[in-house]
C-alpha cells in the first residue's frame, strides 16, 4: 500500500490521537485549503525566510508579539534545527557548555558539530517511575562555580513528561556569569496563555527558547520557532546558523500553518485554554478513583524547589507492578483504539491540547477505569524495571573528541569497559542512554537489557543482517546487539 493510501485509511478509523501533533486532526483547528494550491516557492510577493523583508517578516514579528519575545524565527525543520543554531551561535568552537544530561539528542549533535566540551548536570529521578525531575538551580550554581569558561547553559523545560524547572531562578544565576540560558521548550509552545498553565520560558528570563508548535498547538508536524528574548546572543549569528541548519527551500504550507496558529492564539488563546483547563480539571478529578494506575501530578514530580508541572501531559504510572507501561500502552491502542504518545517501562504518556474533544477524554477515562479493574486481578508485570534514561556519570572524553578515533564493532555483552563511539537511546523521547566518549559499564548494559525486556526499542546499535530481518530489531537479543566502541588504550 502507498503511504498516502495508508494515511487516508488510518484517518477513516476511530483511533483517537492522544499524541502529537497538537491539532489532533481536528478539522475545527486545521482550516488550510488543499495543500497543492498553496505549495509554492519564493516567488514574487512571498518573501524569503532566510532574508525576510515582507510578508514573512510581518508574520514572524506577529509571532514575537504573541510570545512576548524580542524576535521569533519560523523553523520548518522542527526544534532540532533551532537547537543546533542556538548552541552554535551562543558558543565558540572548543568551548565549554553546561548541559542537563536529560537533553534531547539534538543537543548532543550540536555539541559534536561545534566541537564543544560538555559539563553535564544530572537531574534527580522520581523513584519508581524513573521520570526526571526539574533542574535544581543550586546544581547549576555549583557547576558554574566549579568549571571555568562555560559559555552557555542548556536545559529542557518542560520535559516530555511535563516537569517545569524554575527558569526565573536559573536565569538569574546564569546571567550573573554573563552567559546565556538556552531553554529547549519543544514541549512548551502552549504555555503562558492562561493563568492555570505554567508561564512561558520567554517570560521568565531565558535568552533563547526553542518551541515546537506542532507538539502542543494546532500546527503541522515539523513546525517550530526560535524565540530570542535578549541580546546576549547575536542576531547575526543566529541567522547565520539558521541558514546552515534549516532548509533553503522552506515549506510555505508549514509557514502558513504557523502564521495561522499564532493568529488563533492572539485572537482566542485565553478563551481556548480556559476551556481546555476545565476539561483537564474534570479528567484529573474523575481519575482519582483509580487504584492501580496513578495519574501523576505536581505532588509526585515537583520536589525540586520552584519547579512546576504541566497538567496537559497525562502521565499514567502503573503502580500495580513494575514494567507495565508497555502493557497499558498496548491495551489502550489494541482494545480501545486510543493511540498514546509513548510508553516507558513503568508508565505511558498521553499528550493533550486545546484541540482535544470531550468525547476523547471520556473514551480515555472509561478505558482507564476498565483496565484499572482488570489490574486488580493481575499479579505481576513484565520483567525489566529500569530507573533512568541515561547511564554513565563519568565521561572519559567529550563526544567531539571521541569522533576522532576509529571504532570497532563488539557485541554489547562483551563491551563493558570500552568507550562508546555511538549514541544509544530510546525513542521517544530521544534522550541518549550513552553518548560517544562515555564508558560502557555493566550497569548500562543491564539498563539497556531492562528496557528491551520491558518491550521498548533501543536505537543506535550497528545493524547486522540478522537484526534487519527481525521485527525492527526489537527481539530481546537472539541475533546479538553490536555496538561501535574502542578500548581505553586508544586515548593514552
Protein backbone atom coordinates (compact mmCIF):
# COMPACT_ATOMS: atom_id res chain seq x y z
CA UNK A 1 0.00 0.00 0.00
CA UNK A 2 1.25 3.51 -0.80
CA UNK A 3 1.89 5.84 2.13
CA UNK A 4 -0.90 8.24 1.13
CA UNK A 5 -3.43 5.42 0.92
CA UNK A 6 -2.33 4.10 4.31
CA UNK A 7 -2.66 7.54 5.89
CA UNK A 8 -6.09 8.11 4.38
CA UNK A 9 -7.26 4.68 5.54
CA UNK A 10 -5.99 5.35 9.06
CA UNK A 11 -7.73 8.72 9.06
CA UNK A 12 -11.05 6.96 8.48
CA UNK A 13 -10.68 4.76 11.57
CA UNK A 14 -11.92 5.60 15.06
CA UNK A 15 -8.41 5.69 16.58
CA UNK A 16 -8.18 8.75 18.83
CA UNK A 17 -4.86 10.67 18.89
CA UNK A 18 -3.51 11.22 22.39
CA UNK A 19 -0.22 12.11 20.73
CA UNK A 20 1.33 14.94 18.74
CA UNK A 21 0.70 16.88 16.53
CA UNK A 22 -1.34 19.22 18.68
CA UNK A 23 -4.05 19.83 16.07
CA UNK A 24 -5.27 16.27 16.80
CA UNK A 25 -6.58 16.02 13.23
CA UNK A 26 -9.46 18.19 14.41
CA UNK A 27 -10.90 20.00 11.35
CA UNK A 28 -12.10 22.84 13.57
CA UNK A 29 -8.47 23.88 14.05
CA UNK A 30 -6.90 22.89 10.73
CA UNK A 31 -8.53 25.04 8.09
CA UNK A 32 -5.81 25.21 5.44
CA UNK A 33 -7.04 24.56 1.88
CA UNK A 34 -5.79 21.62 -0.15
CA UNK A 35 -2.03 21.91 0.21
CA UNK A 36 -1.36 21.65 -3.51
CA UNK A 37 -2.94 25.02 -4.17
CA UNK A 38 -0.71 26.88 -1.68
CA UNK A 39 2.54 24.92 -2.01
CA UNK A 40 4.85 27.47 -3.64
CA UNK A 41 8.46 28.58 -3.56
CA UNK A 42 9.99 32.04 -3.08
CA UNK A 43 8.10 33.70 -5.91
CA UNK A 44 7.47 37.43 -6.21
CA UNK A 45 5.45 38.84 -3.35
CA UNK A 46 6.03 35.98 -0.93
CA UNK A 47 9.36 36.91 0.64
CA UNK A 48 12.30 34.65 1.60
CA UNK A 49 12.52 33.08 5.05
CA UNK A 50 16.30 33.50 5.18
CA UNK A 51 16.10 37.15 4.15
CA UNK A 52 12.65 38.11 5.39
CA UNK A 53 11.64 41.64 4.42
CA UNK A 54 7.95 41.34 3.56
CA UNK A 55 5.07 39.03 4.42
CA UNK A 56 7.26 36.51 6.30
CA UNK A 57 8.90 39.30 8.29
CA UNK A 58 5.46 40.52 9.30
CA UNK A 59 4.34 37.00 10.25
CA UNK A 60 7.41 36.44 12.43
CA UNK A 61 7.01 39.86 14.07
CA UNK A 62 3.42 38.93 14.95
CA UNK A 63 4.65 35.64 16.41
CA UNK A 64 7.19 37.53 18.54
CA UNK A 65 4.44 39.77 19.91
CA UNK A 66 2.23 36.78 20.69
CA UNK A 67 5.04 35.00 22.54
CA UNK A 68 6.33 38.15 24.24
CA UNK A 69 9.86 37.92 22.90
CA UNK A 70 12.30 40.18 21.09
CA UNK A 71 12.39 38.22 17.82
CA UNK A 72 10.95 34.97 16.52
CA UNK A 73 12.12 32.80 13.64
CA UNK A 74 9.93 30.20 11.94
CA UNK A 75 11.51 26.74 11.84
CA UNK A 76 10.36 24.17 9.30
CA UNK A 77 12.93 21.56 10.37
CA UNK A 78 11.45 21.28 13.85
CA UNK A 79 13.04 22.33 17.12
CA UNK A 80 16.13 20.34 16.14
CA UNK A 81 17.43 23.00 13.75
CA UNK A 82 16.65 25.71 16.30
CA UNK A 83 18.70 23.94 18.97
CA UNK A 84 21.59 23.44 16.58
CA UNK A 85 21.57 27.11 15.56
CA UNK A 86 21.13 28.42 19.11
CA UNK A 87 24.03 26.43 20.52
CA UNK A 88 26.30 27.25 17.59
CA UNK A 89 25.52 30.97 17.90
CA UNK A 90 25.96 31.05 21.69
CA UNK A 91 29.36 29.30 21.85
CA UNK A 92 32.79 29.29 20.30
CA UNK A 93 34.32 26.13 18.87
CA UNK A 94 36.09 24.13 21.53
CA UNK A 95 34.38 25.96 24.39
CA UNK A 96 32.58 24.58 27.40
CA UNK A 97 28.82 24.25 27.66
CA UNK A 98 26.73 23.23 30.68
CA UNK A 99 24.03 20.77 29.63
CA UNK A 100 21.37 18.87 31.53
CA UNK A 101 22.04 15.19 30.80
CA UNK A 102 18.37 14.55 30.02
CA UNK A 103 18.63 16.74 26.91
CA UNK A 104 17.30 15.68 23.52
CA UNK A 105 19.75 14.06 21.10
CA UNK A 106 19.80 17.28 19.02
CA UNK A 107 21.72 18.98 21.83
CA UNK A 108 24.38 16.26 21.73
CA UNK A 109 24.60 16.57 17.97
CA UNK A 110 25.24 20.31 18.40
CA UNK A 111 27.99 19.58 20.94
CA UNK A 112 29.70 17.24 18.50
CA UNK A 113 29.27 19.50 15.48
CA UNK A 114 30.61 22.54 17.36
CA UNK A 115 33.49 20.66 18.99
CA UNK A 116 32.30 21.62 22.48
CA UNK A 117 33.32 20.23 25.85
CA UNK A 118 30.14 19.41 27.77
CA UNK A 119 29.76 19.72 31.52
CA UNK A 120 26.81 17.52 32.46
CA UNK A 121 24.18 18.24 35.08
CA UNK A 122 22.21 15.21 36.28
CA UNK A 123 18.62 15.95 37.37
CA UNK A 124 17.07 13.90 40.15
CA UNK A 125 14.84 10.96 39.30
CA UNK A 126 11.40 10.11 40.64
CA UNK A 127 11.77 6.85 42.49
CA UNK A 128 9.61 4.19 40.93
CA UNK A 129 8.77 5.69 37.55
CA UNK A 130 12.30 6.84 36.63
CA UNK A 131 10.95 10.20 35.42
CA UNK A 132 13.35 13.13 35.53
CA UNK A 133 12.55 15.87 37.97
CA UNK A 134 13.35 19.54 37.39
CA UNK A 135 16.81 21.04 37.13
CA UNK A 136 17.85 22.29 40.57
CA UNK A 137 19.12 25.90 40.41
CA UNK A 138 21.66 25.06 43.12
CA UNK A 139 23.15 22.36 40.89
CA UNK A 140 23.70 24.93 38.16
CA UNK A 141 25.25 27.36 40.61
CA UNK A 142 27.67 24.71 41.90
CA UNK A 143 28.78 23.69 38.41
CA UNK A 144 29.25 27.28 37.24
CA UNK A 145 31.46 27.85 40.27
CA UNK A 146 33.43 24.64 39.71
CA UNK A 147 34.10 24.87 35.96
CA UNK A 148 35.62 27.95 34.40
CA UNK A 149 34.84 29.16 30.91
CA UNK A 150 31.31 27.83 30.49
CA UNK A 151 29.84 29.75 27.55
CA UNK A 152 26.16 28.78 27.72
CA UNK A 153 23.68 26.69 29.72
CA UNK A 154 21.13 24.37 28.08
CA UNK A 155 18.18 22.81 29.91
CA UNK A 156 14.88 21.20 28.91
CA UNK A 157 11.69 22.72 30.35
CA UNK A 158 9.08 21.40 30.25
CA UNK A 159 10.26 17.83 29.85
CA UNK A 160 8.46 15.21 27.80
CA UNK A 161 6.51 14.30 30.94
CA UNK A 162 5.64 17.93 31.76
CA UNK A 163 8.14 18.78 34.51
CA UNK A 164 8.92 22.51 34.51
CA UNK A 165 12.12 23.96 36.00
CA UNK A 166 12.44 27.27 37.85
CA UNK A 167 13.53 29.30 34.81
CA UNK A 168 13.42 32.58 36.71
CA UNK A 169 15.89 31.45 39.38
CA UNK A 170 18.10 29.62 36.89
CA UNK A 171 18.27 32.60 34.53
CA UNK A 172 19.36 34.89 37.37
CA UNK A 173 22.21 32.51 38.27
CA UNK A 174 23.29 32.06 34.66
CA UNK A 175 23.18 35.78 33.87
CA UNK A 176 25.35 36.53 36.90
CA UNK A 177 28.13 34.81 34.92
CA UNK A 178 27.37 36.86 31.82
CA UNK A 179 26.30 33.88 29.72
CA UNK A 180 23.01 32.95 28.01
CA UNK A 181 20.39 30.43 29.09
CA UNK A 182 19.04 28.30 26.23
CA UNK A 183 15.78 26.51 27.01
CA UNK A 184 14.64 23.55 24.95
CA UNK A 185 10.92 24.19 25.36
CA UNK A 186 9.88 21.97 22.48
CA UNK A 187 7.03 20.75 24.69
CA UNK A 188 6.12 24.23 25.94
CA UNK A 189 4.76 26.19 22.97
CA UNK A 190 1.34 26.19 24.67
CA UNK A 191 2.49 27.71 27.96
CA UNK A 192 1.78 31.27 29.04
CA UNK A 193 -1.66 31.76 27.50
CA UNK A 194 -3.76 31.26 30.64
CA UNK A 195 -3.11 31.53 34.38
CA UNK A 196 -3.90 27.88 35.15
CA UNK A 197 -0.99 26.78 32.95
CA UNK A 198 2.70 27.31 33.65
CA UNK A 199 4.25 30.60 32.44
CA UNK A 200 6.38 30.53 29.31
CA UNK A 201 10.18 30.40 29.45
CA UNK A 202 10.21 33.64 27.44
CA UNK A 203 8.52 35.48 30.31
CA UNK A 204 10.93 34.22 32.98
CA UNK A 205 14.34 35.35 31.72
CA UNK A 206 15.51 32.72 29.24
CA UNK A 207 17.64 34.16 26.44
CA UNK A 208 16.79 31.69 23.67
CA UNK A 209 13.70 29.49 23.71
CA UNK A 210 13.04 26.79 21.13
CA UNK A 211 9.41 25.67 20.87
CA UNK A 212 7.67 23.05 18.73
CA UNK A 213 4.31 24.46 17.74
CA UNK A 214 3.38 21.10 16.27
CA UNK A 215 3.72 19.26 19.57
CA UNK A 216 1.14 21.09 21.66
CA UNK A 217 -0.63 23.64 19.43
CA UNK A 218 -2.73 23.40 16.25
CA UNK A 219 0.06 23.38 13.71
CA UNK A 220 1.63 20.93 11.28
CA UNK A 221 4.34 18.42 12.11
CA UNK A 222 7.87 19.92 11.92
CA UNK A 223 6.70 23.49 12.65
CA UNK A 224 8.61 25.22 15.44
CA UNK A 225 10.00 28.61 16.45
CA UNK A 226 13.23 30.01 17.83
CA UNK A 227 12.43 32.88 20.20
CA UNK A 228 15.13 35.40 21.11
CA UNK A 229 14.39 37.19 24.39
CA UNK A 230 17.58 39.22 24.93
CA UNK A 231 20.66 40.46 23.12
CA UNK A 232 23.10 38.07 24.80
CA UNK A 233 23.29 36.00 21.61
CA UNK A 234 23.89 37.84 18.35
CA UNK A 235 21.02 38.14 15.85
CA UNK A 236 23.57 37.92 13.06
CA UNK A 237 24.99 34.64 14.34
CA UNK A 238 21.54 33.16 14.88
CA UNK A 239 20.59 33.97 11.30
CA UNK A 240 23.92 32.66 10.03
CA UNK A 241 23.47 29.27 11.67
CA UNK A 242 19.77 29.03 10.86
CA UNK A 243 20.72 29.41 7.21
CA UNK A 244 23.06 26.42 7.68
CA UNK A 245 20.79 24.10 9.65
CA UNK A 246 17.40 24.95 8.15
CA UNK A 247 16.45 24.09 4.59
CA UNK A 248 16.91 26.76 1.91
CA UNK A 249 13.53 25.69 0.48
CA UNK A 250 11.14 26.11 3.42
CA UNK A 251 7.57 24.90 3.01
CA UNK A 252 5.09 27.74 2.59
CA UNK A 253 2.37 25.33 3.73
CA UNK A 254 4.16 24.91 7.05
CA UNK A 255 4.84 28.63 7.41
CA UNK A 256 1.19 29.39 6.68
CA UNK A 257 0.22 26.88 9.39
CA UNK A 258 2.49 28.64 11.89
CA UNK A 259 1.12 32.05 10.99
CA UNK A 260 -2.44 30.78 11.29
CA UNK A 261 -1.63 29.21 14.66
CA UNK A 262 -0.21 32.47 16.01
CA UNK A 263 -3.26 34.38 14.74
CA UNK A 264 -5.52 31.92 16.56
CA UNK A 265 -3.54 32.27 19.79
CA UNK A 266 -3.66 36.06 19.55
CA UNK A 267 -7.41 36.14 18.97
CA UNK A 268 -8.68 33.22 21.08
CA UNK A 269 -5.76 31.81 23.07
CA UNK A 270 -7.02 32.72 26.54
CA UNK A 271 -10.54 31.52 25.81
CA UNK A 272 -9.37 28.21 24.31
CA UNK A 273 -7.03 27.46 27.20
CA UNK A 274 -9.72 28.27 29.76
CA UNK A 275 -11.95 25.63 28.21
CA UNK A 276 -9.00 23.22 27.99
CA UNK A 277 -8.22 23.76 31.68
CA UNK A 278 -11.80 22.85 32.58
CA UNK A 279 -11.62 19.59 30.59
CA UNK A 280 -8.31 18.68 32.25
CA UNK A 281 -9.64 19.53 35.71
CA UNK A 282 -12.64 17.25 35.23
CA UNK A 283 -10.43 14.45 33.90
CA UNK A 284 -7.98 14.61 36.82
CA UNK A 285 -10.85 14.65 39.33
CA UNK A 286 -12.54 11.65 37.72
CA UNK A 287 -9.28 9.66 37.72
CA UNK A 288 -8.83 9.94 41.48
CA UNK A 289 -10.78 6.71 41.92
CA UNK A 290 -8.17 4.67 40.01
CA UNK A 291 -6.36 2.23 42.30
CA UNK A 292 -3.63 0.68 40.13
CA UNK A 293 -2.95 3.43 37.59
CA UNK A 294 -1.79 6.74 39.01
CA UNK A 295 -2.34 9.91 37.01
CA UNK A 296 0.80 11.71 38.14
CA UNK A 297 0.65 15.30 39.34
CA UNK A 298 2.78 18.05 40.83
CA UNK A 299 2.98 16.30 44.22
CA UNK A 300 4.67 13.32 42.55
CA UNK A 301 7.23 15.06 40.38
CA UNK A 302 7.96 18.52 41.76
CA UNK A 303 10.06 18.14 44.90
CA UNK A 304 12.78 20.42 43.48
CA UNK A 305 12.22 23.97 44.81
CA UNK A 306 10.46 26.27 42.35
CA UNK A 307 9.52 23.50 39.92
CA UNK A 308 6.08 23.01 38.43
CA UNK A 309 4.02 20.60 36.35
CA UNK A 310 2.23 20.91 33.02
CA UNK A 311 -1.07 19.10 33.52
CA UNK A 312 -1.65 18.74 29.79
CA UNK A 313 0.73 15.77 29.95
CA UNK A 314 -1.20 12.76 31.22
CA UNK A 315 1.47 10.57 32.81
CA UNK A 316 -0.17 7.22 33.55
CA UNK A 317 2.02 5.35 36.03
CA UNK A 318 1.07 1.69 36.54
CA UNK A 319 1.68 1.26 40.27
CA UNK A 320 0.36 -2.30 40.43
CA UNK A 321 3.65 -3.84 39.29
CA UNK A 322 6.88 -2.73 37.59
CA UNK A 323 7.40 -2.93 33.87
CA UNK A 324 3.78 -2.48 32.81
CA UNK A 325 3.96 0.79 30.89
CA UNK A 326 4.07 -1.01 27.51
CA UNK A 327 1.16 -3.24 28.61
CA UNK A 328 -1.00 -0.19 29.31
CA UNK A 329 0.05 1.48 26.06
CA UNK A 330 -0.70 -1.64 24.01
CA UNK A 331 -4.05 -2.35 25.65
CA UNK A 332 -5.27 1.21 25.14
CA UNK A 333 -4.34 1.01 21.46
CA UNK A 334 -5.48 -2.52 20.67
CA UNK A 335 -8.67 -2.77 22.74
CA UNK A 336 -9.87 0.82 22.93
CA UNK A 337 -8.36 2.43 19.80
CA UNK A 338 -6.65 5.12 21.86
CA UNK A 339 -3.20 5.89 20.46
CA UNK A 340 -0.90 7.33 23.13
CA UNK A 341 2.34 9.22 22.56
CA UNK A 342 4.77 6.78 24.13
CA UNK A 343 5.43 4.11 26.74
CA UNK A 344 8.29 3.82 29.16
CA UNK A 345 8.94 0.81 31.34
CA UNK A 346 6.52 1.81 34.09
CA UNK A 347 4.24 4.43 32.60
CA UNK A 348 2.53 5.55 29.42
CA UNK A 349 2.16 9.14 28.26
CA UNK A 350 -0.91 10.73 26.68
CA UNK A 351 -0.47 14.19 25.16
CA UNK A 352 -3.42 16.57 25.16
CA UNK A 353 -4.08 20.01 23.68
CA UNK A 354 -6.76 22.63 23.18
CA UNK A 355 -7.86 20.59 20.15
CA UNK A 356 -8.89 17.51 22.14
CA UNK A 357 -12.59 16.82 22.41
CA UNK A 358 -14.85 15.96 25.33
CA UNK A 359 -15.52 12.63 23.62
CA UNK A 360 -11.80 11.87 23.51
CA UNK A 361 -11.39 12.49 27.23
CA UNK A 362 -14.49 10.39 28.01
CA UNK A 363 -13.14 7.47 25.97
CA UNK A 364 -9.79 7.58 27.78
CA UNK A 365 -11.46 7.84 31.17
CA UNK A 366 -13.69 4.82 30.50
CA UNK A 367 -10.76 2.77 29.18
CA UNK A 368 -8.58 3.55 32.20
CA UNK A 369 -11.34 2.55 34.60
CA UNK A 370 -11.83 -0.75 32.78
CA UNK A 371 -8.11 -1.53 32.76
CA UNK A 372 -7.76 -0.46 36.38
CA UNK A 373 -10.33 -3.09 37.35
CA UNK A 374 -8.50 -5.68 35.26
CA UNK A 375 -5.25 -4.86 37.06
CA UNK A 376 -6.90 -5.81 40.35
CA UNK A 377 -6.63 -9.43 39.20
CA UNK A 378 -3.11 -9.11 37.80
CA UNK A 379 -0.21 -10.25 39.98
CA UNK A 380 2.91 -9.13 38.11
CA UNK A 381 4.06 -7.19 35.08
CA UNK A 382 6.88 -7.83 32.66
CA UNK A 383 10.42 -8.08 33.88
CA UNK A 384 12.86 -5.32 33.23
CA UNK A 385 12.21 -2.48 35.66
CA UNK A 386 14.51 0.41 34.84
CA UNK A 387 15.41 3.61 36.59
CA UNK A 388 16.84 6.12 34.11
CA UNK A 389 17.18 7.19 30.51
CA UNK A 390 20.93 7.61 30.89
CA UNK A 391 23.66 5.57 32.46
CA UNK A 392 27.21 6.79 32.98
CA UNK A 393 28.04 9.89 35.02
CA UNK A 394 31.76 9.62 34.24
CA UNK A 395 32.50 10.52 30.61
CA UNK A 396 36.05 9.62 29.60
CA UNK A 397 36.14 12.38 26.98
CA UNK A 398 33.84 14.67 25.03
CA UNK A 399 31.77 13.36 22.14
CA UNK A 400 33.53 15.73 19.74
CA UNK A 401 36.92 14.33 20.75
CA UNK A 402 35.61 10.78 20.55
CA UNK A 403 34.63 11.38 16.93
CA UNK A 404 38.32 11.50 16.03
CA UNK A 405 39.02 7.87 16.90
CA UNK A 406 38.43 4.76 14.80
CA UNK A 407 35.91 2.41 16.36
CA UNK A 408 35.41 -1.32 16.08
CA UNK A 409 32.25 -3.37 16.41
CA UNK A 410 31.74 -5.52 19.50
CA UNK A 411 28.82 -7.49 20.91
CA UNK A 412 27.12 -5.50 23.66
CA UNK A 413 27.67 -8.39 26.07
CA UNK A 414 31.45 -8.02 25.66
CA UNK A 415 31.62 -4.21 25.61
CA UNK A 416 31.90 -3.47 29.35
CA UNK A 417 34.95 -1.31 29.99
CA UNK A 418 35.09 0.00 26.42
CA UNK A 419 34.34 3.56 25.30
CA UNK A 420 31.20 4.17 23.26
CA UNK A 421 31.58 5.82 19.89
CA UNK A 422 27.84 5.95 19.26
CA UNK A 423 24.58 7.16 20.75
CA UNK A 424 22.13 4.64 22.16
CA UNK A 425 18.68 5.92 23.02
CA UNK A 426 15.05 5.01 23.46
CA UNK A 427 12.85 6.99 21.07
CA UNK A 428 10.68 8.58 22.11
CA UNK A 429 11.88 10.58 24.00
CA UNK A 430 15.32 10.59 22.32
CA UNK A 431 17.46 11.10 25.44
CA UNK A 432 20.74 9.18 24.96
CA UNK A 433 21.40 6.32 27.35
CA UNK A 434 25.04 6.72 26.42
CA UNK A 435 26.91 9.22 24.26
CA UNK A 436 30.26 8.95 22.47
CA UNK A 437 33.09 9.27 24.96
CA UNK A 438 31.26 7.62 27.87
CA UNK A 439 32.36 4.29 29.30
CA UNK A 440 30.13 1.31 28.64
CA UNK A 441 29.62 -0.11 32.12
CA UNK A 442 27.95 -3.31 33.26
CA UNK A 443 25.22 -1.12 34.73
CA UNK A 444 24.49 0.47 31.34
CA UNK A 445 24.37 -2.94 29.67
CA UNK A 446 21.87 -4.07 32.32
CA UNK A 447 19.88 -0.86 31.81
CA UNK A 448 19.64 -1.49 28.07
CA UNK A 449 18.54 -5.08 28.64
CA UNK A 450 15.94 -3.85 31.10
CA UNK A 451 14.42 -1.53 28.51
CA UNK A 452 14.29 -4.27 25.90
CA UNK A 453 12.78 -6.77 28.32
CA UNK A 454 10.13 -4.16 29.13
CA UNK A 455 9.21 -4.09 25.43
CA UNK A 456 10.97 -0.85 24.45
CA UNK A 457 13.24 -0.35 21.44
CA UNK A 458 16.79 0.89 21.98
CA UNK A 459 18.15 2.57 18.85
CA UNK A 460 21.73 3.18 17.76
CA UNK A 461 23.15 -0.32 17.52
CA UNK A 462 25.17 -1.33 14.48
CA UNK A 463 22.87 -3.15 12.11
CA UNK A 464 23.54 -6.75 11.14
CA UNK A 465 21.72 -8.87 8.54
CA UNK A 466 20.02 -10.70 11.41
CA UNK A 467 18.79 -7.52 13.09
CA UNK A 468 17.43 -6.15 9.82
CA UNK A 469 15.42 -9.32 9.32
CA UNK A 470 13.95 -9.19 12.82
CA UNK A 471 10.95 -7.04 13.72
CA UNK A 472 12.74 -3.68 13.69
CA UNK A 473 15.44 -5.22 15.86
CA UNK A 474 13.06 -5.44 18.82
CA UNK A 475 13.58 -9.07 19.75
CA UNK A 476 15.33 -9.37 23.06
CA UNK A 477 18.64 -10.35 21.60
CA UNK A 478 18.81 -13.71 19.82
CA UNK A 479 20.69 -12.04 16.96
CA UNK A 480 23.01 -10.18 19.36
CA UNK A 481 23.43 -6.43 19.73
CA UNK A 482 26.51 -4.88 18.15
CA UNK A 483 27.88 -1.57 19.41
CA UNK A 484 30.66 0.57 17.94
CA UNK A 485 33.31 1.28 20.55
CA UNK A 486 37.04 1.35 21.25
CA UNK A 487 39.38 0.44 24.06
CA UNK A 488 40.71 2.91 26.62
CA UNK A 489 44.24 2.37 25.34
CA UNK A 490 43.42 4.44 22.23
CA UNK A 491 43.29 7.66 24.26
CA UNK A 492 46.58 7.25 26.08
